[in-house]
Protein backbone atom coordinates (compact mmCIF):
# COMPACT_ATOMS: atom_id res chain seq x y z
CA MET A 1 -44.48 -12.58 26.85
CA MET A 2 -42.88 -15.47 24.97
CA ALA A 3 -44.44 -14.25 21.72
CA ARG A 4 -42.85 -10.85 22.24
CA VAL A 5 -39.44 -12.44 22.78
CA LEU A 6 -39.75 -14.53 19.63
CA ASP A 7 -40.90 -11.51 17.66
CA TYR A 8 -37.96 -9.46 18.94
CA ARG A 9 -35.51 -12.16 17.96
CA SER A 10 -37.02 -12.44 14.47
CA VAL A 11 -36.77 -8.71 13.95
CA LEU A 12 -33.17 -8.70 15.17
CA ALA A 13 -32.23 -11.56 12.84
CA ALA A 14 -33.86 -9.83 9.89
CA PHE A 15 -32.06 -6.60 10.77
CA VAL A 16 -28.67 -8.32 10.88
CA ALA A 17 -29.32 -10.11 7.60
CA ALA A 18 -30.31 -6.85 5.95
CA SER A 19 -27.16 -5.14 7.20
CA LEU A 20 -24.98 -7.91 5.79
CA THR A 21 -26.58 -7.80 2.35
CA GLY A 22 -27.41 -4.09 2.15
CA CYS A 23 -26.02 -1.56 -0.29
CA SER A 24 -22.83 0.38 0.42
CA VAL A 25 -22.49 4.13 0.16
CA GLY A 26 -19.90 5.57 -2.19
CA PRO A 27 -19.01 4.66 -5.77
CA ASP A 28 -18.99 1.03 -6.88
CA PHE A 29 -15.68 0.29 -8.56
CA HIS A 30 -15.67 -0.87 -12.18
CA ARG A 31 -12.59 -1.84 -14.15
CA PRO A 32 -11.69 0.94 -16.62
CA THR A 33 -11.74 0.19 -20.33
CA LEU A 34 -9.92 1.66 -23.31
CA GLU A 35 -11.90 4.24 -25.22
CA GLY A 36 -11.95 3.93 -28.98
CA LYS A 37 -9.78 1.72 -31.16
CA VAL A 38 -6.20 1.73 -29.92
CA ARG A 39 -3.29 0.40 -31.98
CA TYR A 40 0.44 0.16 -31.45
CA GLN A 41 1.35 1.98 -34.66
CA PRO A 42 -0.29 3.69 -37.63
CA GLY A 43 -1.51 1.53 -40.45
CA PRO A 44 -2.31 -2.16 -40.42
CA ALA A 45 -0.90 -4.41 -37.71
CA PRO A 46 2.27 -6.22 -38.80
CA THR A 47 2.02 -9.95 -39.30
CA ALA A 48 5.73 -10.77 -39.41
CA VAL A 49 9.18 -9.47 -38.58
CA GLN A 50 10.95 -9.67 -41.92
CA ALA A 51 14.34 -8.07 -42.43
CA THR A 52 14.91 -5.88 -45.44
CA SER A 53 16.08 -8.19 -48.22
CA LEU A 54 19.71 -7.93 -49.25
CA PRO A 55 21.35 -9.52 -52.29
CA GLY A 56 22.27 -13.11 -51.53
CA GLN A 57 21.22 -12.80 -47.89
CA ILE A 58 18.76 -15.11 -46.14
CA THR A 59 17.51 -14.01 -42.70
CA GLN A 60 15.14 -15.67 -40.29
CA SER A 61 11.70 -14.07 -40.04
CA GLN A 62 9.24 -14.26 -37.15
CA GLY A 63 5.48 -14.41 -37.46
CA LEU A 64 3.40 -12.07 -35.29
CA VAL A 65 0.09 -13.50 -34.02
CA GLN A 66 -2.23 -10.58 -33.29
CA GLY A 67 -4.21 -11.27 -30.11
CA GLY A 68 -2.11 -14.36 -29.34
CA ASP A 69 -1.70 -15.56 -25.78
CA VAL A 70 1.61 -15.40 -23.92
CA SER A 71 2.90 -18.70 -22.59
CA GLY A 72 3.69 -18.91 -18.89
CA ASP A 73 7.10 -20.44 -19.67
CA TRP A 74 7.88 -18.43 -22.79
CA TRP A 75 11.64 -18.57 -22.16
CA THR A 76 11.60 -22.23 -23.20
CA LEU A 77 10.96 -21.09 -26.78
CA PHE A 78 14.66 -20.24 -27.10
CA GLY A 79 15.43 -23.96 -26.91
CA VAL A 80 18.19 -23.74 -24.26
CA PRO A 81 17.80 -26.34 -21.47
CA GLU A 82 20.43 -24.63 -19.29
CA LEU A 83 18.45 -21.39 -19.48
CA ASN A 84 15.26 -23.17 -18.41
CA THR A 85 17.10 -24.58 -15.39
CA LEU A 86 18.36 -21.16 -14.35
CA VAL A 87 14.90 -19.61 -14.60
CA GLU A 88 13.32 -22.33 -12.47
CA ARG A 89 16.07 -21.95 -9.87
CA ALA A 90 15.44 -18.21 -9.75
CA ARG A 91 11.70 -18.70 -9.33
CA ALA A 92 12.28 -21.18 -6.51
CA ASN A 93 15.21 -19.64 -4.64
CA ASN A 94 15.36 -15.88 -5.25
CA PRO A 95 15.21 -14.35 -1.73
CA SER A 96 13.53 -11.11 -2.88
CA LEU A 97 10.77 -13.15 -4.49
CA GLN A 98 10.36 -15.28 -1.36
CA SER A 99 10.07 -12.11 0.74
CA ALA A 100 7.41 -10.71 -1.61
CA GLN A 101 5.47 -13.99 -1.46
CA THR A 102 5.44 -13.87 2.35
CA THR A 103 4.39 -10.22 2.29
CA LEU A 104 1.50 -11.09 -0.03
CA LYS A 105 0.28 -13.83 2.32
CA ALA A 106 0.39 -11.36 5.21
CA ALA A 107 -1.60 -8.83 3.16
CA TRP A 108 -4.37 -11.36 2.48
CA GLU A 109 -4.46 -12.26 6.17
CA GLN A 110 -4.81 -8.57 6.99
CA ALA A 111 -7.73 -8.35 4.56
CA LYS A 112 -9.40 -11.20 6.44
CA VAL A 113 -8.77 -9.39 9.71
CA GLN A 114 -10.65 -6.41 8.30
CA ALA A 115 -13.58 -8.74 7.52
CA SER A 116 -13.93 -10.05 11.09
CA PRO A 117 -16.19 -7.17 12.34
CA MET A 118 -18.85 -8.40 9.91
CA PHE A 119 -19.65 -11.04 12.55
CA PRO A 120 -20.74 -10.54 16.17
CA SER A 121 -18.02 -10.33 18.80
CA ILE A 122 -18.52 -12.82 21.62
CA SER A 123 -16.41 -13.20 24.78
CA ALA A 124 -16.95 -15.13 28.02
CA MET A 125 -16.08 -14.16 31.57
CA PHE A 126 -16.02 -16.24 34.76
CA GLU A 127 -15.35 -14.43 38.05
CA PRO A 128 -15.35 -16.26 41.43
CA THR A 129 -15.13 -13.94 44.48
CA ARG A 130 -15.14 -14.17 48.28
CA ASN A 131 -17.09 -11.25 49.75
CA LYS A 132 -17.65 -9.64 53.12
CA THR A 133 -20.32 -7.10 54.03
CA THR A 134 -20.39 -4.90 57.10
CA ARG A 135 -22.00 -6.45 60.17
CA ALA A 136 -23.98 -3.34 60.76
CA LEU A 137 -25.76 -3.75 57.45
CA SER A 138 -25.83 -7.53 57.21
CA PRO A 139 -29.42 -8.77 57.62
CA VAL A 140 -28.28 -12.27 58.56
CA PRO A 141 -28.03 -12.71 62.37
CA ALA A 142 -25.62 -15.66 62.09
CA SER A 143 -22.10 -15.08 63.26
CA ASN A 144 -20.64 -15.35 59.75
CA GLY A 145 -23.62 -14.26 57.65
CA TYR A 146 -21.73 -11.29 56.33
CA LEU A 147 -19.31 -13.66 54.54
CA TYR A 148 -20.38 -15.23 51.25
CA ASN A 149 -19.11 -16.54 47.89
CA LEU A 150 -20.23 -15.25 44.51
CA HIS A 151 -19.56 -16.99 41.18
CA THR A 152 -20.38 -14.92 38.09
CA LEU A 153 -20.54 -16.44 34.60
CA GLN A 154 -21.31 -14.01 31.78
CA LEU A 155 -21.23 -13.65 28.01
CA ASN A 156 -20.47 -10.31 26.34
CA ILE A 157 -22.01 -10.08 22.86
CA SER A 158 -21.66 -7.00 20.70
CA TYR A 159 -22.45 -6.32 17.09
CA ALA A 160 -22.35 -3.20 14.93
CA PRO A 161 -24.62 -3.59 11.88
CA ASP A 162 -22.98 -2.29 8.73
CA LEU A 163 -25.90 -0.03 7.88
CA TRP A 164 -24.16 2.07 5.25
CA GLY A 165 -21.59 -0.39 3.98
CA GLY A 166 -18.63 1.48 5.44
CA LEU A 167 -17.23 -1.73 6.88
CA ARG A 168 -17.62 -3.48 3.56
CA ARG A 169 -15.77 -0.63 1.90
CA GLN A 170 -12.94 -1.06 4.43
CA ILE A 171 -12.78 -4.76 3.58
CA GLU A 172 -12.83 -3.90 -0.10
CA ALA A 173 -9.93 -1.48 0.38
CA ALA A 174 -7.89 -4.02 2.38
CA ALA A 175 -8.42 -6.71 -0.24
CA ALA A 176 -7.50 -4.25 -3.01
CA GLN A 177 -4.32 -3.47 -1.08
CA ALA A 178 -3.54 -7.18 -1.15
CA GLU A 179 -4.16 -7.05 -4.89
CA VAL A 180 -1.56 -4.30 -5.17
CA GLN A 181 0.89 -6.57 -3.37
CA ARG A 182 -0.05 -9.44 -5.65
CA PHE A 183 0.64 -7.57 -8.87
CA GLN A 184 3.78 -5.97 -7.50
CA LEU A 185 4.93 -9.54 -6.88
CA GLU A 186 4.05 -10.53 -10.45
CA ALA A 187 5.97 -7.52 -11.74
CA MET A 188 8.93 -8.60 -9.60
CA VAL A 189 8.82 -12.12 -11.04
CA ASN A 190 8.78 -10.72 -14.58
CA THR A 191 11.67 -8.42 -13.73
CA ILE A 192 13.69 -11.28 -12.24
CA ILE A 193 13.11 -13.48 -15.31
CA ASN A 194 13.86 -10.60 -17.69
CA SER A 195 17.02 -9.61 -15.78
CA LEU A 196 18.16 -13.22 -15.72
CA LEU A 197 17.73 -13.67 -19.47
CA VAL A 198 19.45 -10.37 -20.21
CA ALA A 199 22.35 -11.37 -17.97
CA VAL A 200 22.61 -14.79 -19.64
CA LEU A 201 22.59 -13.15 -23.08
CA GLN A 202 25.16 -10.61 -21.94
CA GLN A 203 27.39 -13.41 -20.68
CA ALA A 204 26.93 -15.38 -23.90
CA SER A 205 27.65 -12.26 -25.96
CA ALA A 206 30.81 -11.48 -24.01
CA ASN A 207 32.02 -15.08 -24.29
CA ALA A 208 31.28 -15.12 -28.04
CA GLN A 209 33.21 -11.89 -28.56
CA ILE A 210 36.08 -13.27 -26.47
CA ALA A 211 36.15 -16.32 -28.73
CA VAL A 212 36.24 -14.04 -31.80
CA LEU A 213 39.15 -12.07 -30.32
CA ASN A 214 41.04 -15.21 -29.36
CA ASP A 215 40.67 -16.55 -32.89
CA GLN A 216 41.83 -13.22 -34.25
CA ILE A 217 44.81 -13.13 -31.88
CA ALA A 218 45.80 -16.63 -32.99
CA ILE A 219 45.73 -15.51 -36.62
CA GLN A 220 47.67 -12.36 -35.78
CA LYS A 221 50.31 -14.44 -34.00
CA ASP A 222 50.74 -16.55 -37.12
CA ILE A 223 51.11 -13.44 -39.25
CA LEU A 224 53.60 -12.02 -36.78
CA ARG A 225 55.62 -15.22 -36.89
CA ILE A 226 55.69 -15.11 -40.69
CA LEU A 227 56.76 -11.46 -40.67
CA GLN A 228 59.51 -12.17 -38.18
CA ASP A 229 60.80 -15.00 -40.38
CA ARG A 230 60.68 -12.77 -43.45
CA TYR A 231 62.40 -9.98 -41.51
CA ARG A 232 65.25 -12.30 -40.61
CA LEU A 233 65.55 -13.22 -44.29
CA GLY A 234 65.52 -9.55 -45.20
CA ASP A 235 62.21 -9.82 -47.05
CA ALA A 236 60.17 -7.64 -44.65
CA ALA A 237 60.75 -4.34 -42.93
CA LEU A 238 61.03 -3.96 -39.17
CA ALA A 239 58.18 -1.44 -39.33
CA ASP A 240 55.85 -4.18 -40.57
CA VAL A 241 56.85 -6.43 -37.67
CA LEU A 242 56.30 -3.66 -35.12
CA ALA A 243 52.97 -2.71 -36.69
CA GLN A 244 51.74 -6.30 -36.46
CA GLN A 245 52.82 -6.47 -32.82
CA THR A 246 50.85 -3.27 -32.15
CA VAL A 247 47.74 -4.69 -33.81
CA MET A 248 48.01 -7.91 -31.79
CA THR A 249 48.52 -5.96 -28.55
CA ASN A 250 45.50 -3.75 -29.25
CA THR A 251 43.38 -6.81 -29.95
CA ALA A 252 44.51 -8.44 -26.69
CA ALA A 253 43.70 -5.21 -24.81
CA ALA A 254 40.04 -5.64 -25.77
CA LEU A 255 39.83 -8.95 -23.87
CA PRO A 256 39.81 -7.72 -20.22
CA PRO A 257 36.68 -5.51 -20.62
CA LEU A 258 34.82 -8.42 -22.19
CA LYS A 259 35.97 -10.76 -19.44
CA LEU A 260 34.73 -8.23 -16.89
CA LEU A 261 31.30 -8.15 -18.56
CA ALA A 262 31.13 -11.96 -18.51
CA GLU A 263 32.20 -12.11 -14.86
CA GLN A 264 29.72 -9.43 -13.79
CA ALA A 265 26.95 -11.22 -15.69
CA HIS A 266 27.87 -14.45 -13.88
CA ASP A 267 27.68 -12.68 -10.50
CA GLN A 268 24.28 -11.18 -11.36
CA ILE A 269 22.95 -14.57 -12.45
CA ALA A 270 24.18 -16.12 -9.20
CA VAL A 271 22.34 -13.54 -7.10
CA LEU A 272 19.16 -13.91 -9.15
CA VAL A 273 19.10 -17.68 -8.64
CA GLY A 274 19.78 -17.23 -4.91
CA VAL A 275 23.40 -18.38 -4.62
CA THR A 276 26.73 -16.67 -4.01
CA PRO A 277 29.01 -15.70 -6.93
CA ASP A 278 31.44 -18.53 -6.16
CA ALA A 279 28.84 -21.07 -7.32
CA VAL A 280 29.42 -22.92 -10.58
CA LEU A 281 26.51 -22.20 -12.91
CA PRO A 282 25.71 -23.28 -16.47
CA GLU A 283 26.84 -20.84 -19.15
CA PRO A 284 24.73 -21.23 -22.29
CA ARG A 285 26.52 -20.38 -25.53
CA LEU A 286 25.10 -17.93 -27.98
CA GLU A 287 24.97 -20.65 -30.63
CA GLN A 288 22.42 -22.55 -28.51
CA PHE A 289 19.79 -19.81 -28.75
CA HIS A 290 17.12 -19.99 -31.44
CA LEU A 291 14.61 -17.28 -32.26
CA PRO A 292 10.97 -18.37 -31.78
CA GLY A 293 9.25 -18.83 -35.12
CA THR A 294 6.14 -16.95 -34.00
CA LEU A 295 5.54 -14.27 -31.40
CA PRO A 296 2.24 -13.27 -29.74
CA VAL A 297 1.13 -9.66 -29.88
CA SER A 298 -1.63 -9.07 -27.34
CA LEU A 299 -4.27 -6.52 -28.25
CA PRO A 300 -4.07 -3.20 -26.37
CA SER A 301 -7.28 -4.07 -24.52
CA GLN A 302 -5.66 -7.30 -23.29
CA LEU A 303 -2.84 -5.34 -21.66
CA LEU A 304 -5.34 -4.04 -19.10
CA GLU A 305 -5.52 -7.57 -17.70
CA GLN A 306 -2.05 -8.85 -18.53
CA ARG A 307 0.32 -6.11 -17.40
CA PRO A 308 1.08 -6.35 -13.65
CA ASP A 309 1.82 -2.63 -13.39
CA VAL A 310 -1.55 -1.80 -14.95
CA ARG A 311 -3.34 -4.22 -12.63
CA ALA A 312 -1.52 -2.75 -9.62
CA ALA A 313 -2.57 0.77 -10.68
CA GLU A 314 -6.13 -0.53 -11.10
CA ALA A 315 -6.06 -2.05 -7.59
CA GLN A 316 -4.77 1.25 -6.18
CA MET A 317 -7.67 3.04 -7.82
CA HIS A 318 -9.97 0.40 -6.30
CA ILE A 319 -8.55 1.21 -2.86
CA ASN A 320 -9.20 4.91 -3.29
CA SER A 321 -12.71 4.25 -4.60
CA ALA A 322 -13.54 2.20 -1.50
CA GLN A 323 -12.07 4.90 0.75
CA VAL A 324 -14.63 7.35 -0.60
CA GLY A 325 -17.39 5.04 0.68
CA VAL A 326 -15.63 4.74 4.05
CA ALA A 327 -15.44 8.54 4.34
CA ILE A 328 -19.15 8.90 3.53
CA ALA A 329 -20.17 6.19 6.00
CA ASN A 330 -18.17 7.87 8.78
CA ARG A 331 -20.52 10.87 8.52
CA LEU A 332 -23.66 8.78 9.00
CA PRO A 333 -25.28 7.33 12.16
CA ASN A 334 -23.73 4.25 13.70
CA VAL A 335 -25.65 1.55 15.63
CA GLN A 336 -24.08 -0.66 18.28
CA LEU A 337 -26.00 -3.68 19.67
CA SER A 338 -24.95 -5.44 22.86
CA ALA A 339 -26.16 -8.29 25.08
CA THR A 340 -24.72 -9.67 28.35
CA PRO A 341 -26.50 -12.86 29.45
CA GLY A 342 -25.07 -14.58 32.53
CA GLN A 343 -25.56 -16.20 35.91
CA ALA A 344 -24.50 -15.28 39.44
CA VAL A 345 -24.63 -17.94 42.21
CA ASN A 346 -23.16 -18.52 45.64
CA ALA A 347 -21.94 -22.06 44.92
CA MET A 348 -20.72 -23.77 41.76
CA SER A 349 -23.40 -26.42 42.12
CA GLN A 350 -26.11 -23.77 41.73
CA PHE A 351 -25.17 -22.88 38.16
CA PHE A 352 -28.00 -23.23 35.64
CA ALA A 353 -30.52 -23.58 38.44
CA PRO A 354 -33.83 -21.70 38.04
CA GLY A 355 -33.66 -18.12 39.21
CA SER A 356 -29.88 -17.66 38.84
CA GLY A 357 -29.85 -16.06 35.40
CA ASN A 358 -29.46 -12.40 34.52
CA TRP A 359 -29.14 -10.50 31.27
CA GLU A 360 -28.89 -7.05 29.78
CA ILE A 361 -29.69 -6.01 26.21
CA GLY A 362 -28.85 -2.59 24.87
CA ALA A 363 -28.56 -0.56 21.72
CA MET A 364 -26.69 2.67 21.05
CA VAL A 365 -27.02 5.08 18.17
CA ALA A 366 -24.17 7.55 17.59
CA GLN A 367 -24.30 10.40 15.10
CA PRO A 368 -21.34 12.71 14.46
CA LEU A 369 -22.51 16.30 14.85
CA PHE A 370 -19.51 18.58 14.58
CA GLN A 371 -15.78 17.82 14.40
CA GLY A 372 -14.55 21.04 12.89
CA PHE A 373 -15.52 19.94 9.35
CA GLN A 374 -12.98 17.12 9.62
CA LEU A 375 -15.22 14.39 8.20
CA TRP A 376 -16.35 16.62 5.36
CA HIS A 377 -12.76 17.40 4.34
CA LEU A 378 -11.78 13.74 4.66
CA GLU A 379 -14.47 12.83 2.15
CA ARG A 380 -13.28 15.54 -0.25
CA GLU A 381 -9.71 14.32 0.17
CA ALA A 382 -10.80 10.76 -0.66
CA ARG A 383 -12.53 11.93 -3.84
CA GLU A 384 -9.50 13.92 -4.99
CA THR A 385 -7.22 10.95 -4.27
CA LEU A 386 -9.48 8.75 -6.37
CA LEU A 387 -9.27 11.24 -9.24
CA ALA A 388 -5.47 11.35 -8.96
CA SER A 389 -5.21 7.55 -9.00
CA SER A 390 -7.40 7.41 -12.12
CA MET A 391 -4.93 9.71 -13.87
CA THR A 392 -2.04 7.55 -12.68
CA TYR A 393 -3.83 4.51 -14.06
CA ARG A 394 -4.27 6.19 -17.43
CA ALA A 395 -0.57 7.10 -17.53
CA THR A 396 0.36 3.50 -16.67
CA VAL A 397 -1.82 2.17 -19.49
CA LEU A 398 -0.24 4.57 -21.98
CA GLY A 399 3.20 3.52 -20.79
CA ALA A 400 2.31 -0.15 -21.24
CA ILE A 401 1.10 0.43 -24.81
CA GLN A 402 4.27 2.40 -25.53
CA ASN A 403 6.43 -0.48 -24.22
CA VAL A 404 4.81 -2.91 -26.64
CA ALA A 405 5.09 -0.46 -29.52
CA ASP A 406 8.77 0.12 -28.76
CA ALA A 407 9.38 -3.64 -28.57
CA LEU A 408 7.75 -4.14 -31.99
CA HIS A 409 9.84 -1.34 -33.48
CA ALA A 410 12.99 -2.85 -31.97
CA LEU A 411 12.17 -6.26 -33.44
CA GLN A 412 11.90 -4.87 -36.96
CA ASP A 413 14.78 -2.39 -36.79
CA ASP A 414 17.20 -4.85 -35.18
CA ALA A 415 16.20 -7.47 -37.74
CA ASP A 416 17.33 -5.02 -40.42
CA THR A 417 20.51 -4.38 -38.46
CA LEU A 418 21.21 -8.10 -38.19
CA ALA A 419 20.71 -8.56 -41.92
CA ALA A 420 23.11 -5.70 -42.66
CA THR A 421 25.75 -6.96 -40.21
CA GLN A 422 25.48 -10.48 -41.62
CA GLN A 423 26.13 -9.08 -45.08
CA SER A 424 28.97 -6.95 -43.75
CA ASP A 425 30.56 -9.92 -41.97
CA THR A 426 30.32 -12.11 -45.06
CA THR A 427 31.90 -9.40 -47.20
CA ALA A 428 34.63 -8.75 -44.64
CA GLN A 429 35.59 -12.40 -44.36
CA GLN A 430 35.79 -12.69 -48.14
CA GLY A 431 37.94 -9.56 -48.21
CA VAL A 432 40.33 -11.08 -45.68
CA LYS A 433 40.82 -14.19 -47.80
CA ILE A 434 41.43 -12.16 -50.95
CA THR A 435 43.81 -9.74 -49.25
CA ARG A 436 45.87 -12.52 -47.68
CA ALA A 437 46.17 -14.24 -51.05
CA GLN A 438 47.23 -10.95 -52.65
CA ASN A 439 49.80 -10.41 -49.93
CA THR A 440 51.24 -13.85 -50.56
CA MET A 441 51.59 -12.92 -54.23
CA GLY A 442 53.16 -9.60 -53.22
CA ASP A 443 50.34 -7.51 -54.66
CA VAL A 444 49.37 -5.75 -51.39
CA SER A 445 51.31 -4.68 -48.36
CA VAL A 446 51.18 -6.15 -44.88
CA ALA A 447 49.59 -2.92 -43.67
CA MET A 448 46.68 -3.50 -46.03
CA VAL A 449 46.22 -7.03 -44.68
CA MET A 450 46.17 -5.73 -41.12
CA THR A 451 43.62 -3.06 -42.00
CA VAL A 452 41.31 -5.54 -43.69
CA GLU A 453 41.61 -8.00 -40.80
CA GLN A 454 40.79 -5.29 -38.28
CA GLN A 455 37.68 -4.37 -40.25
CA ALA A 456 36.70 -8.05 -40.35
CA LEU A 457 37.16 -8.29 -36.58
CA LEU A 458 34.87 -5.33 -36.00
CA ALA A 459 32.29 -6.79 -38.40
CA ARG A 460 32.28 -10.12 -36.59
CA GLN A 461 31.86 -8.43 -33.20
CA ALA A 462 29.01 -6.32 -34.61
CA LEU A 463 27.38 -9.52 -35.86
CA VAL A 464 27.54 -11.06 -32.38
CA GLN A 465 26.01 -7.93 -30.86
CA ALA A 466 23.27 -7.81 -33.50
CA ARG A 467 22.35 -11.44 -32.83
CA VAL A 468 22.15 -10.75 -29.10
CA ALA A 469 19.97 -7.69 -29.78
CA ARG A 470 17.46 -9.88 -31.66
CA PHE A 471 17.17 -12.24 -28.71
CA SER A 472 16.97 -9.32 -26.26
CA ASP A 473 14.18 -7.74 -28.32
CA THR A 474 12.20 -10.99 -28.12
CA VAL A 475 12.69 -11.03 -24.35
CA GLY A 476 11.57 -7.40 -24.20
CA LEU A 477 8.38 -8.15 -26.13
CA PHE A 478 7.36 -10.94 -23.76
CA GLN A 479 8.10 -8.64 -20.82
CA ALA A 480 6.06 -5.81 -22.35
CA LEU A 481 3.09 -8.16 -22.90
CA GLY A 482 2.95 -9.09 -19.21
CA GLY A 483 5.17 -12.16 -19.06
CA GLY A 484 2.38 -14.77 -19.02
CA TRP A 485 2.01 -14.70 -15.21
CA TRP A 486 -1.66 -15.74 -15.50
CA HIS A 487 -0.50 -19.21 -16.55
CA ARG A 488 1.72 -19.57 -13.47
CA ASN A 489 1.27 -19.50 -9.71
CA ASP A 490 3.99 -17.10 -8.61
CA SER A 491 2.34 -16.23 -5.30
CA GLY A 492 3.48 -19.36 -3.48
CA MET A 493 -0.14 -19.87 -2.29
CA LYS A 494 -2.03 -23.09 -2.96
CA ASN A 495 -5.28 -21.25 -3.70
CA PRO A 496 -4.65 -17.53 -4.26
CA PRO A 497 -7.88 -15.44 -3.99
CA ALA A 498 -9.09 -14.26 -7.35
CA THR A 499 -11.21 -11.29 -6.25
CA TRP A 500 -11.65 -9.19 -3.14
CA GLN A 501 -15.23 -10.42 -2.64
CA GLY A 502 -13.90 -13.88 -1.78
CA VAL A 503 -12.31 -12.49 1.38
CA PHE A 504 -15.61 -12.27 3.29
CA THR A 505 -18.17 -14.13 1.20
CA ALA A 506 -16.41 -17.51 1.41
CA ALA A 507 -16.70 -19.54 4.57
CA PRO A 508 -13.60 -19.71 6.80
CA GLY A 509 -11.25 -22.39 5.51
CA ALA A 510 -13.00 -22.69 2.15
CA PRO A 511 -10.71 -22.87 -0.88
CA ALA A 512 -10.30 -19.63 -2.76
CA THR A 513 -11.26 -19.15 -6.37
CA PRO A 514 -8.47 -20.19 -8.77
CA ALA A 515 -6.47 -17.45 -10.43
CA ARG A 516 -7.73 -16.03 -13.72
CA THR A 517 -6.64 -17.70 -16.92
CA VAL A 518 -6.62 -15.93 -20.27
CA ASN A 519 -7.70 -18.20 -23.12
């Protein structure tokens, strides 16, 4: 008899082990790859951003490192300490980011909840009762023999072997859902950093243009004062004085819109760093920014790992792939094992005494037979959803490659624009000096001076905007390449899980695998 018990236990243990390590029905998910050789533009890959050469013009070029890695703190390449401080404050205090971090932690906990049925379920029950039987049926002749106590102690053990891997597919889907949350968080971090830098550049641009206008207004006031003096001496016409006043008024009218842009940028920066708009924040000047000497250009195949939106689309496809296995497993037989060992005694002191034990062992096999073709249609739905998500993934990859291509085009085209505006500004400033000198000699009219100065003002404002565009293009390239999140821990977790398998293969409390690092 004992040999049979031992044999039964061995078979049961082997059965459980086989169910834990068995294969799973449905497709096994594999990360998609790019087919063929994909490039960002026709012809050879560019190695530098070099503006079109202009006579007497020297412009800064940027080297392009094909296949280069993106730094996790790439914004420091601009060389602006105040900017670095703002970014770190945003990463630490942005409430939307903190909410996403908490949501991610909850998603990983939910994935672990889905893994709990992989282990047996055990519960204990203790039930003390006072009982009375009818005297007519009581076999005990004593006066109170029909009264007795009963203390029941029992364990309830149940286990459903994952014969077809449907449970594992559910765990896989839950962990992939957490992966979606993870990469949505990374995309949010990149968006926050990008929005912050754009707002800082917008503020710096507005302030620089305000400074240009203020300088121009000061010059126009001097000219107006000279004209008024000459008018009083009879050497200038009243029309010239009124025209200069009009020019100065028009220049001053351009200040409020620029001030509004600077104020709105300040308010946006305040919200991004997690404070109210009344807070005093650093305001980097445009002159503090420096273009990085070299820029990385990740290969198209690297974008599959680096872009958070691509990784989120991949995780969504992983979810739908696992759901196909779940749908298939739901159509197959299910086994439920149960055991209820226990003891029932009249007095507490009799527990664990010989003869007081009882137990029950059972097994149940359930097979769906007919549910109106529901399970069949659910499997077909899961397969079609998987196909749709694969198309969405492909569209996301194409969009990511387009973003990088657009960023590279913007770098080159705006470099040409900057070179042209620099030349235009230099020419305009020289024209102003010559025209003023000619006006002093009486060779040109005041109207000509005002026209030349207005053109110089527009050229200087265009130069400021072109410089800001170059910095914005650099920001856009880093954003398009994924933002270097793999070199940071944006999740707020000490040991973020690296893969979905770690959810149920690691022991409870064991540290998770470190996040992936691209070398």
